[in-house]
Amino acid sequence: MKDFPALKHKFFAARRRLLKMYYESNSGHLGGSLSCLEALIVLFHAVMTPRDRFILSKGHAAGALYVALWSVGLISDEKLSAFSLDNTTLPGHPSGSGIPGMLFPTGSLGHGISLASGLALAAKYKSSDYNVFCLCSDGEWQEGSCWEALIFAIHNRLDNLTVLIDQNGLQAFGTIDEVASMSDLELKIAAFGPSVVSVDGHNLEAINAALTPAGQESRNDNTKIARKPRFILLRTRKGKGTHFENDVSSHYLPLTKEQYIAACEVLIEQEEAL
């Protein structure tokens, strides 16, 4: 993806729609969607093919997934308007039918990487030419199931698996360090042997560069790069661009009218500066 100005405008449109969607539904969990939206826009617009699979392990960020799907024309604006309302097909955590590409309901954290690893291994057994992408939160890595899946992925040499970790440093009850220190997550994961890189999770170019080159090389020439999964740690800020940026309250609280207008004004200023 070389047309980054166009990609940035798509991101701003998606961010604008995300804010509107959460405001109109009076829903919480906006903060975790704002910290991973750039990564999802890059994935769906510049990296993934129709054959590839995506698992949203951090189900609290369902809104970001829905808006990313909307931005590529897979979800209608009308459906987004029913986000998190009664009888919606787009609930606050991904579940049920009506969500394009959704293979598993998520929201019980810590399980997405296991599901993604199973899909990646199935592709190997079937000689299927698709990659699997999984987006996790950093708080999830306090759960043993994530580490079991990491061991499984390394053992099975799943070079068709890419795991992105939204490292915003916050979870439901405070900072990651306050709850169960994981500030050196990159070193811990790297010790198991996968390919690991840490990037600015709000920089579209950096995310794209981390996602695109190694996957093709490892698939096309296994003599160049060891067959192993990729882990991309996204350094982000929860609630990016809002009054509760980097504040745990963004995990729960909806936007007031004044806060919504202020967040939109910040977004307009940033887009005009392009």
Protein backbone atom coordinates (compact mmCIF):
# COMPACT_ATOMS: atom_id res chain seq x y z
CA MET A 1 0.00 0.00 0.00
CA LYS A 2 1.87 3.06 -1.25
CA ASP A 3 -1.01 5.57 -1.34
CA PHE A 4 -0.78 6.55 2.31
CA PRO A 5 -2.54 9.93 1.92
CA ALA A 6 -5.61 8.04 0.67
CA LEU A 7 -5.27 5.51 3.48
CA LYS A 8 -5.07 8.31 6.03
CA HIS A 9 -8.28 9.83 4.73
CA LYS A 10 -9.95 6.42 4.99
CA PHE A 11 -8.73 6.21 8.57
CA PHE A 12 -10.11 9.64 9.45
CA ALA A 13 -13.46 8.73 7.90
CA ALA A 14 -13.49 5.51 9.93
CA ARG A 15 -12.55 7.31 13.12
CA ARG A 16 -15.29 9.89 12.55
CA ARG A 17 -17.84 7.12 12.03
CA LEU A 18 -16.57 5.27 15.10
CA LEU A 19 -17.08 8.30 17.35
CA LYS A 20 -20.58 8.86 15.93
CA MET A 21 -21.50 5.21 16.39
CA TYR A 22 -20.45 5.06 20.04
CA TYR A 23 -22.03 8.42 20.83
CA GLU A 24 -25.39 7.57 19.27
CA SER A 25 -25.54 4.18 20.98
CA ASN A 26 -24.43 5.65 24.34
CA SER A 27 -22.00 2.73 24.64
CA GLY A 28 -18.81 2.28 26.60
CA HIS A 29 -15.57 0.56 25.53
CA LEU A 30 -14.72 3.32 23.07
CA GLY A 31 -11.16 3.62 24.40
CA GLY A 32 -10.03 0.18 23.27
CA SER A 33 -11.50 0.73 19.81
CA LEU A 34 -9.64 4.02 19.41
CA SER A 35 -6.32 2.41 20.32
CA CYS A 36 -6.50 -0.27 17.62
CA LEU A 37 -8.39 1.39 14.76
CA GLU A 38 -5.25 2.27 12.75
CA ALA A 39 -4.12 -1.36 12.81
CA LEU A 40 -7.49 -2.59 11.59
CA ILE A 41 -7.66 -0.03 8.79
CA VAL A 42 -4.20 -1.09 7.56
CA LEU A 43 -5.13 -4.76 7.79
CA PHE A 44 -8.40 -4.51 5.89
CA HIS A 45 -7.29 -1.95 3.30
CA ALA A 46 -3.65 -2.79 2.65
CA VAL A 47 -2.70 -6.24 3.91
CA MET A 48 -5.40 -8.90 4.04
CA THR A 49 -6.71 -10.68 0.96
CA PRO A 50 -10.22 -12.15 0.64
CA ARG A 51 -8.70 -15.55 1.48
CA ASP A 52 -7.18 -14.46 4.79
CA ARG A 53 -8.77 -14.95 8.20
CA PHE A 54 -9.10 -12.43 11.03
CA ILE A 55 -9.81 -13.05 14.72
CA LEU A 56 -10.61 -10.19 17.08
CA SER A 57 -9.50 -11.56 20.43
CA LYS A 58 -10.03 -8.25 22.26
CA GLY A 59 -13.78 -8.39 21.85
CA HIS A 60 -14.28 -5.10 23.67
CA ALA A 61 -13.05 -3.42 20.48
CA ALA A 62 -15.95 -4.76 18.42
CA GLY A 63 -16.80 -1.23 17.31
CA ALA A 64 -13.42 -0.81 15.65
CA LEU A 65 -13.90 -4.07 13.75
CA TYR A 66 -17.37 -3.08 12.58
CA VAL A 67 -16.18 0.31 11.37
CA ALA A 68 -13.21 -1.28 9.57
CA LEU A 69 -15.63 -3.63 7.81
CA TRP A 70 -17.85 -0.63 7.00
CA SER A 71 -14.86 1.21 5.51
CA VAL A 72 -14.29 -1.59 2.99
CA GLY A 73 -17.99 -1.84 2.15
CA LEU A 74 -18.82 -5.05 4.02
CA ILE A 75 -21.18 -3.47 6.57
CA SER A 76 -23.79 -0.85 5.73
CA ASP A 77 -24.16 2.50 7.43
CA GLU A 78 -27.67 1.47 8.41
CA LYS A 79 -26.35 -1.56 10.30
CA LEU A 80 -23.78 0.57 12.10
CA SER A 81 -26.61 2.80 13.31
CA ALA A 82 -28.00 -0.16 15.27
CA PHE A 83 -24.68 -0.89 17.02
CA SER A 84 -25.14 -2.24 20.55
CA LEU A 85 -28.91 -1.68 20.50
CA ASP A 86 -31.63 -4.26 21.18
CA ASN A 87 -31.94 -6.96 18.50
CA THR A 88 -28.87 -5.68 16.66
CA THR A 89 -26.63 -7.86 14.52
CA LEU A 90 -23.66 -5.77 15.77
CA PRO A 91 -23.50 -6.27 19.55
CA GLY A 92 -20.94 -4.80 21.93
CA HIS A 93 -18.90 -8.00 21.63
CA PRO A 94 -18.77 -9.87 18.31
CA SER A 95 -21.25 -12.75 18.40
CA GLY A 96 -24.04 -14.31 16.38
CA SER A 97 -24.53 -13.95 12.66
CA GLY A 98 -24.47 -10.96 10.36
CA ILE A 99 -20.81 -9.99 10.86
CA PRO A 100 -18.81 -10.57 7.64
CA GLY A 101 -15.83 -12.86 8.12
CA MET A 102 -16.57 -13.60 11.77
CA LEU A 103 -15.66 -17.20 12.53
CA PHE A 104 -15.96 -17.19 16.32
CA PRO A 105 -17.75 -15.03 18.89
CA THR A 106 -15.23 -13.26 21.14
CA GLY A 107 -15.24 -11.21 24.29
CA SER A 108 -14.16 -13.78 26.85
CA LEU A 109 -10.57 -12.62 26.66
CA GLY A 110 -7.50 -14.78 26.21
CA HIS A 111 -8.84 -17.23 23.65
CA GLY A 112 -8.42 -15.53 20.29
CA ILE A 113 -4.81 -16.53 19.75
CA SER A 114 -5.68 -20.19 20.39
CA LEU A 115 -8.44 -20.03 17.78
CA ALA A 116 -6.13 -18.25 15.34
CA SER A 117 -3.36 -20.80 15.87
CA GLY A 118 -5.80 -23.64 15.15
CA LEU A 119 -6.88 -21.96 11.92
CA ALA A 120 -3.26 -21.45 10.89
CA LEU A 121 -2.43 -25.10 11.54
CA ALA A 122 -5.51 -26.20 9.59
CA ALA A 123 -4.28 -24.15 6.63
CA LYS A 124 -0.95 -25.96 6.81
CA TYR A 125 -2.62 -29.39 6.85
CA LYS A 126 -4.88 -28.48 3.92
CA SER A 127 -2.09 -26.72 1.99
CA SER A 128 -4.34 -23.67 1.87
CA ASP A 129 -2.81 -20.38 0.82
CA TYR A 130 -4.16 -18.03 3.47
CA ASN A 131 -2.77 -16.12 6.42
CA VAL A 132 -4.37 -15.71 9.83
CA PHE A 133 -4.33 -12.42 11.73
CA CYS A 134 -5.30 -12.06 15.37
CA LEU A 135 -5.65 -8.83 17.37
CA CYS A 136 -5.18 -9.18 21.14
CA SER A 137 -5.05 -6.77 24.06
CA ASP A 138 -2.02 -6.56 26.32
CA GLY A 139 -4.15 -7.36 29.39
CA GLU A 140 -5.06 -10.71 27.83
CA TRP A 141 -1.46 -11.80 28.19
CA GLN A 142 -1.99 -12.15 31.91
CA GLU A 143 -3.90 -15.32 30.99
CA GLY A 144 -2.16 -18.65 30.64
CA SER A 145 -4.11 -19.62 27.53
CA CYS A 146 -2.21 -17.00 25.51
CA TRP A 147 1.15 -18.47 26.48
CA GLU A 148 -0.04 -22.00 25.71
CA ALA A 149 -1.10 -20.82 22.25
CA LEU A 150 2.29 -19.14 21.75
CA ILE A 151 4.06 -22.41 22.56
CA PHE A 152 1.72 -24.24 20.17
CA ALA A 153 2.34 -21.73 17.37
CA ILE A 154 6.13 -21.93 17.77
CA HIS A 155 6.13 -25.72 17.93
CA ASN A 156 4.06 -25.99 14.74
CA ARG A 157 6.12 -23.34 12.91
CA LEU A 158 3.05 -21.30 12.02
CA ASP A 159 4.62 -18.74 9.71
CA ASN A 160 1.14 -18.02 8.33
CA LEU A 161 0.07 -16.55 11.71
CA THR A 162 0.45 -12.90 12.67
CA VAL A 163 -0.56 -11.74 16.14
CA LEU A 164 -1.00 -8.03 16.83
CA ILE A 165 -1.05 -6.91 20.46
CA ASP A 166 -2.67 -3.59 21.30
CA GLN A 167 -0.27 -2.46 24.01
CA ASN A 168 -2.14 0.55 25.43
CA GLY A 169 -1.07 -0.25 28.99
CA LEU A 170 -4.59 -0.13 30.48
CA GLN A 171 -7.19 -2.70 31.40
CA ALA A 172 -10.49 -2.78 33.28
CA PHE A 173 -9.15 -2.06 36.77
CA GLY A 174 -6.13 0.13 36.12
CA THR A 175 -2.79 0.02 34.37
CA ILE A 176 -1.19 -3.25 33.31
CA ASP A 177 1.63 -2.66 35.78
CA GLU A 178 -0.79 -2.08 38.66
CA VAL A 179 -2.82 -5.21 37.98
CA ALA A 180 -0.09 -7.69 36.97
CA SER A 181 3.09 -6.19 35.58
CA MET A 182 3.67 -7.01 31.91
CA SER A 183 5.67 -3.96 30.84
CA ASP A 184 8.39 -6.16 29.37
CA LEU A 185 5.92 -8.16 27.27
CA GLU A 186 8.05 -7.85 24.14
CA LEU A 187 11.05 -9.52 25.82
CA LYS A 188 8.88 -12.25 27.35
CA ILE A 189 7.33 -13.18 24.01
CA ALA A 190 10.63 -12.93 22.13
CA ALA A 191 12.17 -15.46 24.54
CA PHE A 192 9.92 -18.14 23.04
CA GLY A 193 11.37 -17.60 19.57
CA PRO A 194 8.82 -15.93 17.29
CA SER A 195 9.53 -12.92 15.11
CA VAL A 196 8.73 -9.90 17.30
CA VAL A 197 8.63 -6.19 16.47
CA SER A 198 7.29 -3.19 18.35
CA VAL A 199 5.87 -0.22 16.41
CA ASP A 200 3.93 2.99 16.91
CA GLY A 201 0.36 1.70 16.78
CA HIS A 202 -0.98 5.07 15.64
CA ASN A 203 1.35 5.31 12.62
CA LEU A 204 -0.20 3.79 9.51
CA GLU A 205 3.08 3.53 7.61
CA ALA A 206 4.86 1.84 10.52
CA ILE A 207 2.06 -0.67 10.97
CA ASN A 208 2.01 -1.45 7.25
CA ALA A 209 5.79 -1.92 7.15
CA ALA A 210 5.65 -4.33 10.08
CA LEU A 211 2.83 -6.36 8.53
CA THR A 212 3.78 -6.76 4.89
CA PRO A 213 7.34 -7.89 4.05
CA ALA A 214 8.17 -10.88 6.22
CA GLY A 215 5.02 -12.86 5.49
CA GLN A 216 5.59 -13.06 1.75
CA GLU A 217 9.27 -13.89 2.09
CA SER A 218 8.67 -16.68 4.58
CA ARG A 219 5.97 -18.24 2.38
CA ASN A 220 7.92 -18.03 -0.86
CA ASP A 221 11.39 -18.96 0.31
CA ASN A 222 11.71 -20.86 3.57
CA THR A 223 15.49 -20.90 3.27
CA LYS A 224 15.66 -17.15 3.88
CA ILE A 225 13.56 -16.82 7.04
CA ALA A 226 12.87 -19.40 9.74
CA ARG A 227 9.28 -20.59 9.72
CA LYS A 228 7.78 -18.97 12.77
CA PRO A 229 4.79 -16.80 13.68
CA ARG A 230 5.01 -13.02 13.75
CA PHE A 231 4.11 -10.86 16.74
CA ILE A 232 3.61 -7.12 16.33
CA LEU A 233 3.32 -5.06 19.49
CA LEU A 234 1.40 -1.85 18.85
CA ARG A 235 2.39 0.97 21.20
CA THR A 236 -0.90 2.83 21.58
CA ARG A 237 -2.94 5.10 23.84
CA LYS A 238 -6.37 4.07 25.00
CA GLY A 239 -9.04 6.62 24.08
CA LYS A 240 -6.70 8.26 21.56
CA GLY A 241 -7.79 11.80 20.67
CA THR A 242 -10.48 12.17 23.32
CA HIS A 243 -10.80 13.80 26.75
CA PHE A 244 -10.05 10.45 28.42
CA GLU A 245 -6.97 9.53 26.40
CA ASN A 246 -4.71 7.20 28.40
CA ASP A 247 -7.32 7.05 31.17
CA VAL A 248 -8.96 3.85 32.41
CA SER A 249 -12.37 5.55 32.28
CA SER A 250 -12.26 5.17 28.49
CA HIS A 251 -12.73 1.45 29.08
CA TYR A 252 -16.24 2.03 30.39
CA LEU A 253 -17.75 5.45 29.91
CA PRO A 254 -19.76 6.69 26.89
CA LEU A 255 -19.32 10.15 25.40
CA THR A 256 -21.44 13.12 26.42
CA LYS A 257 -22.57 15.50 23.68
CA GLU A 258 -19.87 18.02 24.62
CA GLN A 259 -17.17 15.34 24.63
CA TYR A 260 -18.32 13.99 21.27
CA ILE A 261 -18.21 17.46 19.68
CA ALA A 262 -14.74 18.10 21.15
CA ALA A 263 -13.39 14.77 19.85
CA CYS A 264 -14.78 15.54 16.37
CA GLU A 265 -13.14 18.96 16.39
CA VAL A 266 -9.76 17.41 17.22
CA LEU A 267 -10.24 14.97 14.37
CA ILE A 268 -11.08 17.76 11.90
CA GLU A 269 -7.95 19.68 12.90
CA GLN A 270 -5.77 16.60 12.40
CA GLU A 271 -7.22 15.82 8.98
CA GLU A 272 -6.89 19.43 7.80
CA ALA A 273 -3.21 19.32 8.78
CA LEU A 274 -2.51 16.50 6.28
